[in-house]
Amino acid sequence: MTHAHITTWVIALILFFIAINVNKKGNEKGFKILQMILRVMYLLILATGGILLSSIAHISLLYILKAVVGLWILVLFELILLRTAKKQPVTVLWIQFVVAFLLVLYLGLKLPLGFHLFQ
């Protein structure tokens, strides 16, 4: 299930950056389609993450922190897309996104259920 979770968020990340580029080029219809596909990907990320979290015998505080930061990233995805479409400033959101993404990657690689890159 770890691979399914990683696959869903990698696809979502790729679609997120494609949606931003499509919006910058002025293709509103394509942007809306990508935004809807991304929302389905959010549901898949939540489902696979929930299954992973429920499969852990002893949930530590770090797993809960990783889940909260993961939810924060999904909210940032949506906020960045909405504000970009409305031509509002998104600099603070991008900074939050980078910090949250690095934190969730570190926790994902550090925790026992993830890949053991730091051990």
C-alpha atoms as a PDB file:
ATOM      1  CA  MET A   1       0.000   0.000   0.000  1.00  0.00           C
ATOM      2  CA  THR A   2       2.975   2.314   0.490  1.00  0.00           C
ATOM      3  CA  HIS A   3       3.675   2.230  -3.236  1.00  0.00           C
ATOM      4  CA  ALA A   4       0.064   3.089  -4.063  1.00  0.00           C
ATOM      5  CA  HIS A   5       0.211   6.060  -1.695  1.00  0.00           C
ATOM      6  CA  ILE A   6       3.490   7.312  -3.129  1.00  0.00           C
ATOM      7  CA  THR A   7       2.195   6.851  -6.685  1.00  0.00           C
ATOM      8  CA  THR A   8      -0.954   8.869  -5.983  1.00  0.00           C
ATOM      9  CA  TRP A   9       0.881  11.816  -4.471  1.00  0.00           C
ATOM     10  CA  VAL A  10       3.557  11.823  -7.184  1.00  0.00           C
ATOM     11  CA  ILE A  11       0.847  11.904  -9.862  1.00  0.00           C
ATOM     12  CA  ALA A  12      -0.960  14.645  -7.919  1.00  0.00           C
ATOM     13  CA  LEU A  13       2.242  16.676  -7.659  1.00  0.00           C
ATOM     14  CA  ILE A  14       2.854  16.373 -11.412  1.00  0.00           C
ATOM     15  CA  LEU A  15      -0.767  17.328 -12.195  1.00  0.00           C
ATOM     16  CA  PHE A  16      -0.503  20.256  -9.774  1.00  0.00           C
ATOM     17  CA  PHE A  17       2.447  21.773 -11.641  1.00  0.00           C
ATOM     18  CA  ILE A  18       0.821  21.057 -15.014  1.00  0.00           C
ATOM     19  CA  ALA A  19      -2.349  22.817 -13.818  1.00  0.00           C
ATOM     20  CA  ILE A  20      -0.357  25.881 -12.761  1.00  0.00           C
ATOM     21  CA  ASN A  21       1.333  26.037 -16.176  1.00  0.00           C
ATOM     22  CA  VAL A  22      -1.969  25.555 -17.998  1.00  0.00           C
ATOM     23  CA  ASN A  23      -3.465  28.393 -15.969  1.00  0.00           C
ATOM     24  CA  LYS A  24      -0.518  30.676 -16.761  1.00  0.00           C
ATOM     25  CA  LYS A  25      -1.078  30.026 -20.473  1.00  0.00           C
ATOM     26  CA  GLY A  26      -4.713  31.138 -20.089  1.00  0.00           C
ATOM     27  CA  ASN A  27      -6.423  27.816 -20.808  1.00  0.00           C
ATOM     28  CA  GLU A  28      -9.288  28.100 -18.323  1.00  0.00           C
ATOM     29  CA  LYS A  29     -11.139  24.979 -19.455  1.00  0.00           C
ATOM     30  CA  GLY A  30      -8.040  22.802 -19.270  1.00  0.00           C
ATOM     31  CA  PHE A  31      -7.271  24.247 -15.842  1.00  0.00           C
ATOM     32  CA  LYS A  32     -10.749  23.358 -14.548  1.00  0.00           C
ATOM     33  CA  ILE A  33     -10.429  19.796 -15.879  1.00  0.00           C
ATOM     34  CA  LEU A  34      -7.033  19.362 -14.215  1.00  0.00           C
ATOM     35  CA  GLN A  35      -8.397  20.836 -11.002  1.00  0.00           C
ATOM     36  CA  MET A  36     -11.209  18.262 -10.944  1.00  0.00           C
ATOM     37  CA  ILE A  37      -8.780  15.405 -11.645  1.00  0.00           C
ATOM     38  CA  LEU A  38      -6.591  16.699  -8.824  1.00  0.00           C
ATOM     39  CA  ARG A  39      -9.543  16.634  -6.443  1.00  0.00           C
ATOM     40  CA  VAL A  40     -10.055  12.961  -7.244  1.00  0.00           C
ATOM     41  CA  MET A  41      -6.360  12.429  -6.591  1.00  0.00           C
ATOM     42  CA  TYR A  42      -6.762  14.127  -3.195  1.00  0.00           C
ATOM     43  CA  LEU A  43      -9.395  11.539  -2.310  1.00  0.00           C
ATOM     44  CA  LEU A  44      -7.096   8.719  -3.399  1.00  0.00           C
ATOM     45  CA  ILE A  45      -4.230  10.182  -1.374  1.00  0.00           C
ATOM     46  CA  LEU A  46      -6.477  10.425   1.677  1.00  0.00           C
ATOM     47  CA  ALA A  47      -7.753   6.859   1.195  1.00  0.00           C
ATOM     48  CA  THR A  48      -4.329   5.272   0.760  1.00  0.00           C
ATOM     49  CA  GLY A  49      -2.883   7.348   3.597  1.00  0.00           C
ATOM     50  CA  GLY A  50      -5.761   6.354   5.859  1.00  0.00           C
ATOM     51  CA  ILE A  51      -5.255   2.683   5.025  1.00  0.00           C
ATOM     52  CA  LEU A  52      -1.536   3.010   5.760  1.00  0.00           C
ATOM     53  CA  LEU A  53      -2.208   4.768   9.056  1.00  0.00           C
ATOM     54  CA  SER A  54      -4.777   2.192  10.108  1.00  0.00           C
ATOM     55  CA  SER A  55      -2.375  -0.665   9.333  1.00  0.00           C
ATOM     56  CA  ILE A  56       0.143   0.518  11.932  1.00  0.00           C
ATOM     57  CA  ALA A  57      -0.006  -1.420  15.192  1.00  0.00           C
ATOM     58  CA  HIS A  58       1.409   1.323  17.405  1.00  0.00           C
ATOM     59  CA  ILE A  59       0.777   4.809  16.066  1.00  0.00           C
ATOM     60  CA  SER A  60       3.366   7.246  17.383  1.00  0.00           C
ATOM     61  CA  LEU A  61       3.077  11.007  17.502  1.00  0.00           C
ATOM     62  CA  LEU A  62       5.331  11.277  14.432  1.00  0.00           C
ATOM     63  CA  TYR A  63       2.797   9.350  12.312  1.00  0.00           C
ATOM     64  CA  ILE A  64       0.043  11.692  13.444  1.00  0.00           C
ATOM     65  CA  LEU A  65       2.296  14.682  12.670  1.00  0.00           C
ATOM     66  CA  LYS A  66       2.988  13.274   9.200  1.00  0.00           C
ATOM     67  CA  ALA A  67      -0.745  12.833   8.581  1.00  0.00           C
ATOM     68  CA  VAL A  68      -1.486  16.404   9.692  1.00  0.00           C
ATOM     69  CA  VAL A  69       1.308  17.827   7.532  1.00  0.00           C
ATOM     70  CA  GLY A  70       0.035  15.721   4.611  1.00  0.00           C
ATOM     71  CA  LEU A  71      -3.428  17.246   5.032  1.00  0.00           C
ATOM     72  CA  TRP A  72      -1.803  20.672   5.216  1.00  0.00           C
ATOM     73  CA  ILE A  73      -0.139  20.006   1.857  1.00  0.00           C
ATOM     74  CA  LEU A  74      -3.453  19.027   0.250  1.00  0.00           C
ATOM     75  CA  VAL A  75      -5.018  22.249   1.526  1.00  0.00           C
ATOM     76  CA  LEU A  76      -2.061  24.205   0.163  1.00  0.00           C
ATOM     77  CA  PHE A  77      -2.470  22.507  -3.235  1.00  0.00           C
ATOM     78  CA  GLU A  78      -6.041  23.720  -3.422  1.00  0.00           C
ATOM     79  CA  LEU A  79      -5.332  27.214  -2.053  1.00  0.00           C
ATOM     80  CA  ILE A  80      -2.443  27.782  -4.448  1.00  0.00           C
ATOM     81  CA  LEU A  81      -4.555  26.713  -7.410  1.00  0.00           C
ATOM     82  CA  LEU A  82      -7.521  28.856  -6.375  1.00  0.00           C
ATOM     83  CA  ARG A  83      -5.453  31.967  -5.690  1.00  0.00           C
ATOM     84  CA  THR A  84      -3.411  31.499  -8.856  1.00  0.00           C
ATOM     85  CA  ALA A  85      -6.635  31.318 -10.877  1.00  0.00           C
ATOM     86  CA  LYS A  86      -7.881  34.521  -9.220  1.00  0.00           C
ATOM     87  CA  LYS A  87      -4.502  36.244  -9.792  1.00  0.00           C
ATOM     88  CA  GLN A  88      -3.970  36.736  -6.041  1.00  0.00           C
ATOM     89  CA  PRO A  89      -0.546  36.602  -4.345  1.00  0.00           C
ATOM     90  CA  VAL A  90       0.639  33.102  -3.431  1.00  0.00           C
ATOM     91  CA  THR A  91       4.191  33.679  -2.182  1.00  0.00           C
ATOM     92  CA  VAL A  92       3.387  32.831   1.447  1.00  0.00           C
ATOM     93  CA  LEU A  93       1.542  29.704   0.347  1.00  0.00           C
ATOM     94  CA  TRP A  94       4.534  28.564  -1.737  1.00  0.00           C
ATOM     95  CA  ILE A  95       6.851  29.018   1.248  1.00  0.00           C
ATOM     96  CA  GLN A  96       4.469  26.970   3.401  1.00  0.00           C
ATOM     97  CA  PHE A  97       4.283  24.349   0.663  1.00  0.00           C
ATOM     98  CA  VAL A  98       8.070  23.937   0.467  1.00  0.00           C
ATOM     99  CA  VAL A  99       8.419  23.708   4.266  1.00  0.00           C
ATOM    100  CA  ALA A 100       5.534  21.246   4.606  1.00  0.00           C
ATOM    101  CA  PHE A 101       6.703  19.128   1.677  1.00  0.00           C
ATOM    102  CA  LEU A 102      10.238  18.844   3.037  1.00  0.00           C
ATOM    103  CA  LEU A 103       8.873  17.968   6.478  1.00  0.00           C
ATOM    104  CA  VAL A 104       6.527  15.277   5.177  1.00  0.00           C
ATOM    105  CA  LEU A 105       9.270  13.803   2.992  1.00  0.00           C
ATOM    106  CA  TYR A 106      11.658  13.692   5.948  1.00  0.00           C
ATOM    107  CA  LEU A 107       9.051  12.031   8.171  1.00  0.00           C
ATOM    108  CA  GLY A 108       8.093   9.609   5.421  1.00  0.00           C
ATOM    109  CA  LEU A 109      11.691   8.529   4.977  1.00  0.00           C
ATOM    110  CA  LYS A 110      12.495   8.477   8.698  1.00  0.00           C
ATOM    111  CA  LEU A 111       9.509   6.533  10.029  1.00  0.00           C
ATOM    112  CA  PRO A 112       9.647   2.707  10.012  1.00  0.00           C
ATOM    113  CA  LEU A 113       6.806   2.282   7.495  1.00  0.00           C
ATOM    114  CA  GLY A 114       8.607   4.387   4.864  1.00  0.00           C
ATOM    115  CA  PHE A 115      11.790   3.816   2.942  1.00  0.00           C
ATOM    116  CA  HIS A 116      14.892   3.696   5.110  1.00  0.00           C
ATOM    117  CA  LEU A 117      17.021   6.384   3.525  1.00  0.00           C
ATOM    118  CA  PHE A 118      18.213   8.008   6.763  1.00  0.00           C
ATOM    119  CA  GLN A 119      19.171   4.857   8.682  1.00  0.00           C
END
